N, C-alpha and C. Protein backbone atom coordinates (compact mmCIF):
# COMPACT_ATOMS: atom_id res chain seq x y z
N MET A 1 0.82 -1.18 0.00
CA MET A 1 0.00 0.00 0.00
C MET A 1 0.87 1.25 0.00
N ALA A 2 0.40 2.25 -0.63
CA ALA A 2 1.12 3.52 -0.64
C ALA A 2 1.04 4.14 0.74
N GLY A 3 2.09 4.90 1.09
CA GLY A 3 2.12 5.57 2.38
C GLY A 3 1.21 6.78 2.37
N ALA A 4 1.06 7.39 3.54
CA ALA A 4 0.21 8.57 3.66
C ALA A 4 0.71 9.67 2.74
N GLY A 5 -0.18 10.23 1.97
CA GLY A 5 0.17 11.32 1.07
C GLY A 5 0.75 10.87 -0.26
N GLU A 6 0.98 9.59 -0.42
CA GLU A 6 1.52 9.07 -1.68
C GLU A 6 0.38 8.66 -2.59
N PRO A 7 0.55 8.86 -3.89
CA PRO A 7 -0.49 8.39 -4.82
C PRO A 7 -0.53 6.86 -4.86
N GLU A 8 -1.71 6.33 -5.12
CA GLU A 8 -1.89 4.88 -5.18
C GLU A 8 -0.97 4.25 -6.24
N GLU A 9 -0.61 5.03 -7.27
CA GLU A 9 0.26 4.52 -8.33
C GLU A 9 1.61 4.08 -7.78
N LEU A 10 2.04 4.64 -6.64
CA LEU A 10 3.32 4.20 -6.07
C LEU A 10 3.24 2.77 -5.56
N ALA A 11 2.08 2.37 -5.05
CA ALA A 11 1.90 0.99 -4.63
C ALA A 11 1.96 0.07 -5.85
N VAL A 12 1.35 0.51 -6.94
CA VAL A 12 1.40 -0.25 -8.19
C VAL A 12 2.84 -0.34 -8.67
N LEU A 13 3.55 0.77 -8.62
CA LEU A 13 4.93 0.79 -9.09
C LEU A 13 5.82 -0.11 -8.23
N ARG A 14 5.60 -0.11 -6.93
CA ARG A 14 6.38 -0.97 -6.04
C ARG A 14 6.20 -2.44 -6.45
N ALA A 15 4.97 -2.83 -6.74
CA ALA A 15 4.69 -4.21 -7.17
C ALA A 15 5.33 -4.51 -8.51
N GLU A 16 5.30 -3.54 -9.42
CA GLU A 16 5.92 -3.73 -10.74
C GLU A 16 7.44 -3.87 -10.60
N PHE A 17 8.05 -2.97 -9.83
CA PHE A 17 9.51 -3.00 -9.67
C PHE A 17 9.96 -4.26 -8.94
N ALA A 18 9.13 -4.81 -8.07
CA ALA A 18 9.46 -6.03 -7.35
C ALA A 18 9.12 -7.28 -8.15
N ALA A 19 8.59 -7.10 -9.35
CA ALA A 19 8.20 -8.21 -10.23
C ALA A 19 7.28 -9.19 -9.51
N GLU A 20 6.27 -8.63 -8.85
CA GLU A 20 5.30 -9.46 -8.16
C GLU A 20 4.39 -10.17 -9.16
N GLU A 21 3.67 -11.14 -8.68
CA GLU A 21 2.74 -11.91 -9.52
C GLU A 21 1.83 -10.97 -10.30
N GLY A 22 1.73 -11.17 -11.60
CA GLY A 22 0.88 -10.36 -12.46
C GLY A 22 1.54 -9.08 -12.97
N SER A 23 2.78 -8.85 -12.58
CA SER A 23 3.47 -7.63 -13.01
C SER A 23 3.99 -7.78 -14.44
N PHE A 24 4.20 -6.63 -15.08
CA PHE A 24 4.74 -6.64 -16.44
C PHE A 24 6.14 -7.25 -16.48
N PRO A 25 7.07 -6.86 -15.59
CA PRO A 25 8.41 -7.46 -15.66
C PRO A 25 8.41 -8.98 -15.48
N LEU A 26 7.54 -9.50 -14.61
CA LEU A 26 7.49 -10.95 -14.43
C LEU A 26 7.00 -11.62 -15.70
N GLY A 27 5.96 -11.08 -16.30
CA GLY A 27 5.46 -11.64 -17.56
C GLY A 27 6.51 -11.59 -18.65
N LEU A 28 7.24 -10.50 -18.71
CA LEU A 28 8.30 -10.36 -19.72
C LEU A 28 9.40 -11.38 -19.48
N HIS A 29 9.74 -11.60 -18.22
CA HIS A 29 10.75 -12.60 -17.88
C HIS A 29 10.31 -13.99 -18.34
N GLU A 30 9.00 -14.21 -18.33
CA GLU A 30 8.45 -15.50 -18.76
C GLU A 30 8.20 -15.55 -20.27
N GLY A 31 8.63 -14.48 -20.98
CA GLY A 31 8.55 -14.48 -22.44
C GLY A 31 7.29 -13.88 -23.03
N GLU A 32 6.54 -13.14 -22.23
CA GLU A 32 5.27 -12.57 -22.71
C GLU A 32 5.28 -11.05 -22.58
N TRP A 33 4.93 -10.37 -23.68
CA TRP A 33 4.77 -8.92 -23.65
C TRP A 33 3.30 -8.64 -23.44
N ASP A 34 2.96 -8.13 -22.28
CA ASP A 34 1.57 -7.83 -21.91
C ASP A 34 1.35 -6.33 -22.12
N ALA A 35 0.63 -5.97 -23.17
CA ALA A 35 0.42 -4.56 -23.50
C ALA A 35 -0.26 -3.81 -22.37
N GLU A 36 -1.24 -4.42 -21.73
CA GLU A 36 -1.92 -3.77 -20.60
C GLU A 36 -0.95 -3.60 -19.43
N GLY A 37 -0.12 -4.59 -19.21
CA GLY A 37 0.87 -4.52 -18.14
C GLY A 37 1.89 -3.42 -18.40
N PHE A 38 2.30 -3.29 -19.66
CA PHE A 38 3.23 -2.21 -20.00
C PHE A 38 2.60 -0.86 -19.72
N THR A 39 1.35 -0.69 -20.11
CA THR A 39 0.64 0.57 -19.87
C THR A 39 0.55 0.85 -18.38
N ARG A 40 0.26 -0.17 -17.59
CA ARG A 40 0.17 -0.01 -16.13
C ARG A 40 1.53 0.44 -15.56
N LEU A 41 2.61 -0.21 -16.01
CA LEU A 41 3.95 0.16 -15.57
C LEU A 41 4.29 1.58 -15.97
N GLU A 42 4.06 1.92 -17.22
CA GLU A 42 4.38 3.26 -17.71
C GLU A 42 3.58 4.33 -16.96
N ARG A 43 2.31 4.08 -16.75
CA ARG A 43 1.45 5.04 -16.04
C ARG A 43 1.94 5.24 -14.60
N ALA A 44 2.32 4.16 -13.94
CA ALA A 44 2.82 4.26 -12.56
C ALA A 44 4.16 4.99 -12.52
N MET A 45 5.03 4.73 -13.50
CA MET A 45 6.31 5.44 -13.56
C MET A 45 6.09 6.93 -13.80
N ARG A 46 5.16 7.24 -14.67
CA ARG A 46 4.84 8.65 -14.97
C ARG A 46 4.32 9.35 -13.71
N ALA A 47 3.45 8.69 -12.96
CA ALA A 47 2.91 9.28 -11.73
C ALA A 47 4.02 9.49 -10.70
N ALA A 48 4.94 8.54 -10.60
CA ALA A 48 6.05 8.68 -9.66
C ALA A 48 6.95 9.85 -10.05
N CYS A 49 7.18 10.03 -11.34
CA CYS A 49 7.98 11.16 -11.80
C CYS A 49 7.34 12.48 -11.38
N THR A 50 6.05 12.57 -11.55
CA THR A 50 5.33 13.79 -11.19
C THR A 50 5.36 14.00 -9.68
N TRP A 51 5.12 12.94 -8.94
CA TRP A 51 5.07 13.03 -7.49
C TRP A 51 6.44 13.38 -6.90
N CYS A 52 7.51 12.84 -7.49
CA CYS A 52 8.87 13.03 -6.95
C CYS A 52 9.60 14.23 -7.55
N ALA A 53 8.99 14.91 -8.51
CA ALA A 53 9.67 16.02 -9.19
C ALA A 53 10.15 17.05 -8.17
N GLY A 54 11.42 17.36 -8.25
CA GLY A 54 12.00 18.36 -7.37
C GLY A 54 12.34 17.87 -5.98
N ALA A 55 12.16 16.59 -5.70
CA ALA A 55 12.46 16.06 -4.37
C ALA A 55 13.98 16.10 -4.13
N ALA A 56 14.36 16.45 -2.93
CA ALA A 56 15.77 16.51 -2.57
C ALA A 56 16.35 15.11 -2.37
N LEU A 57 15.53 14.20 -1.88
CA LEU A 57 15.96 12.83 -1.64
C LEU A 57 14.99 11.87 -2.33
N LEU A 58 15.53 10.76 -2.81
CA LEU A 58 14.72 9.73 -3.47
C LEU A 58 14.85 8.43 -2.70
N GLU A 59 13.76 7.72 -2.58
CA GLU A 59 13.81 6.42 -1.92
C GLU A 59 14.60 5.45 -2.79
N ARG A 60 15.37 4.60 -2.14
CA ARG A 60 16.26 3.67 -2.85
C ARG A 60 15.49 2.76 -3.81
N TRP A 61 14.34 2.23 -3.39
CA TRP A 61 13.61 1.31 -4.26
C TRP A 61 13.16 2.00 -5.55
N LEU A 62 12.82 3.29 -5.45
CA LEU A 62 12.44 4.04 -6.64
C LEU A 62 13.64 4.24 -7.56
N ALA A 63 14.75 4.67 -6.98
CA ALA A 63 15.95 4.92 -7.78
C ALA A 63 16.42 3.63 -8.46
N GLU A 64 16.45 2.54 -7.71
CA GLU A 64 16.88 1.27 -8.30
C GLU A 64 15.94 0.84 -9.42
N GLY A 65 14.65 0.96 -9.19
CA GLY A 65 13.67 0.56 -10.20
C GLY A 65 13.77 1.40 -11.46
N PHE A 66 13.86 2.72 -11.30
CA PHE A 66 13.97 3.59 -12.47
C PHE A 66 15.28 3.38 -13.22
N HIS A 67 16.30 2.93 -12.52
CA HIS A 67 17.57 2.64 -13.18
C HIS A 67 17.52 1.30 -13.92
N LEU A 68 16.96 0.29 -13.27
CA LEU A 68 17.03 -1.07 -13.80
C LEU A 68 15.93 -1.43 -14.80
N ILE A 69 14.71 -1.04 -14.53
CA ILE A 69 13.57 -1.51 -15.34
C ILE A 69 13.72 -1.17 -16.82
N PRO A 70 14.05 0.07 -17.20
CA PRO A 70 14.17 0.34 -18.64
C PRO A 70 15.20 -0.56 -19.33
N ARG A 71 16.31 -0.82 -18.67
CA ARG A 71 17.36 -1.66 -19.25
C ARG A 71 16.92 -3.12 -19.34
N GLU A 72 16.28 -3.60 -18.27
CA GLU A 72 15.82 -4.98 -18.27
C GLU A 72 14.73 -5.21 -19.31
N VAL A 73 13.82 -4.27 -19.43
CA VAL A 73 12.74 -4.40 -20.41
C VAL A 73 13.33 -4.45 -21.82
N ARG A 74 14.27 -3.57 -22.11
CA ARG A 74 14.89 -3.55 -23.44
C ARG A 74 15.62 -4.86 -23.72
N ALA A 75 16.38 -5.36 -22.73
CA ALA A 75 17.13 -6.60 -22.91
C ALA A 75 16.20 -7.80 -23.10
N LYS A 76 15.17 -7.90 -22.28
CA LYS A 76 14.24 -9.03 -22.40
C LYS A 76 13.41 -8.95 -23.67
N ALA A 77 13.01 -7.75 -24.05
CA ALA A 77 12.19 -7.59 -25.27
C ALA A 77 12.97 -8.03 -26.50
N ALA A 78 14.27 -7.83 -26.48
CA ALA A 78 15.10 -8.24 -27.62
C ALA A 78 15.12 -9.75 -27.81
N CYS A 79 14.77 -10.49 -26.78
CA CYS A 79 14.80 -11.96 -26.83
C CYS A 79 13.43 -12.58 -27.11
N LEU A 80 12.39 -11.76 -27.22
CA LEU A 80 11.05 -12.30 -27.45
C LEU A 80 10.92 -12.86 -28.86
N ARG A 81 10.19 -13.94 -28.99
CA ARG A 81 9.92 -14.49 -30.32
C ARG A 81 8.97 -13.61 -31.09
N ARG A 82 8.00 -13.02 -30.39
CA ARG A 82 7.03 -12.14 -31.04
C ARG A 82 6.94 -10.82 -30.27
N PRO A 83 7.92 -9.95 -30.47
CA PRO A 83 7.88 -8.66 -29.77
C PRO A 83 6.80 -7.76 -30.34
N PRO A 84 6.40 -6.74 -29.61
CA PRO A 84 5.42 -5.79 -30.13
C PRO A 84 6.00 -5.03 -31.31
N HIS A 85 5.13 -4.44 -32.09
CA HIS A 85 5.52 -3.76 -33.32
C HIS A 85 6.60 -2.70 -33.09
N ASP A 86 6.42 -1.83 -32.12
CA ASP A 86 7.34 -0.71 -31.89
C ASP A 86 8.10 -0.89 -30.58
N THR A 87 8.78 -2.03 -30.44
CA THR A 87 9.50 -2.32 -29.21
C THR A 87 10.48 -1.22 -28.84
N ALA A 88 11.26 -0.76 -29.81
CA ALA A 88 12.26 0.28 -29.52
C ALA A 88 11.59 1.56 -29.02
N GLY A 89 10.51 1.96 -29.64
CA GLY A 89 9.80 3.16 -29.22
C GLY A 89 9.22 3.02 -27.82
N LEU A 90 8.68 1.85 -27.52
CA LEU A 90 8.12 1.61 -26.18
C LEU A 90 9.22 1.65 -25.13
N CYS A 91 10.35 1.04 -25.44
CA CYS A 91 11.48 1.05 -24.50
C CYS A 91 12.03 2.47 -24.35
N ASP A 92 12.03 3.23 -25.43
CA ASP A 92 12.48 4.63 -25.35
C ASP A 92 11.61 5.43 -24.38
N ARG A 93 10.33 5.13 -24.34
CA ARG A 93 9.44 5.83 -23.43
C ARG A 93 9.83 5.58 -21.97
N LEU A 94 10.22 4.33 -21.66
CA LEU A 94 10.68 4.04 -20.30
C LEU A 94 12.00 4.75 -20.01
N ASP A 95 12.89 4.79 -21.01
CA ASP A 95 14.15 5.53 -20.85
C ASP A 95 13.88 7.00 -20.56
N ASP A 96 12.93 7.59 -21.29
CA ASP A 96 12.58 9.00 -21.09
C ASP A 96 12.05 9.24 -19.68
N LEU A 97 11.22 8.33 -19.19
CA LEU A 97 10.69 8.47 -17.83
C LEU A 97 11.81 8.35 -16.80
N SER A 98 12.75 7.46 -17.04
CA SER A 98 13.89 7.32 -16.14
C SER A 98 14.69 8.62 -16.09
N LEU A 99 14.93 9.21 -17.23
CA LEU A 99 15.66 10.47 -17.29
C LEU A 99 14.90 11.57 -16.54
N CYS A 100 13.61 11.67 -16.77
CA CYS A 100 12.79 12.66 -16.05
C CYS A 100 12.89 12.45 -14.55
N PHE A 101 12.83 11.20 -14.13
CA PHE A 101 12.89 10.89 -12.71
C PHE A 101 14.20 11.38 -12.09
N PHE A 102 15.31 11.06 -12.73
CA PHE A 102 16.61 11.42 -12.16
C PHE A 102 16.94 12.90 -12.31
N LEU A 103 16.35 13.57 -13.27
CA LEU A 103 16.55 15.02 -13.41
C LEU A 103 15.62 15.80 -12.49
N GLY A 104 14.64 15.10 -11.92
CA GLY A 104 13.70 15.75 -11.00
C GLY A 104 12.68 16.62 -11.72
N GLU A 105 12.37 16.24 -12.95
CA GLU A 105 11.40 17.00 -13.74
C GLU A 105 10.18 16.14 -14.04
N PRO A 106 9.00 16.74 -14.00
CA PRO A 106 7.82 15.96 -14.39
C PRO A 106 7.88 15.65 -15.88
N PRO A 107 7.35 14.50 -16.27
CA PRO A 107 7.35 14.16 -17.70
C PRO A 107 6.47 15.10 -18.50
N GLY A 108 6.86 15.30 -19.76
CA GLY A 108 6.10 16.20 -20.64
C GLY A 108 4.89 15.58 -21.23
């Protein structure tokens, strides 16, 4: 659950970053690109960027997730037998969110 004052999307993001059951990263690890799961992950990352914009300190789990997830998604997607049509573009969107997160700027 998200802490007091945190958007519910942070709870979703925590589950995604931890690759919990039903998460996009877990499905990708098992060889499946779940378009709805990707949207859920991207939406939660976008919300975290907005919520954390300008923060002086970042929680470790957020920093680790924003650093690792875009790279892991790109690496795993390259190994799929049937990747989505615009895999590179989708992965670029996660890279862009990671950059926004670490620069402390809300996504455009």
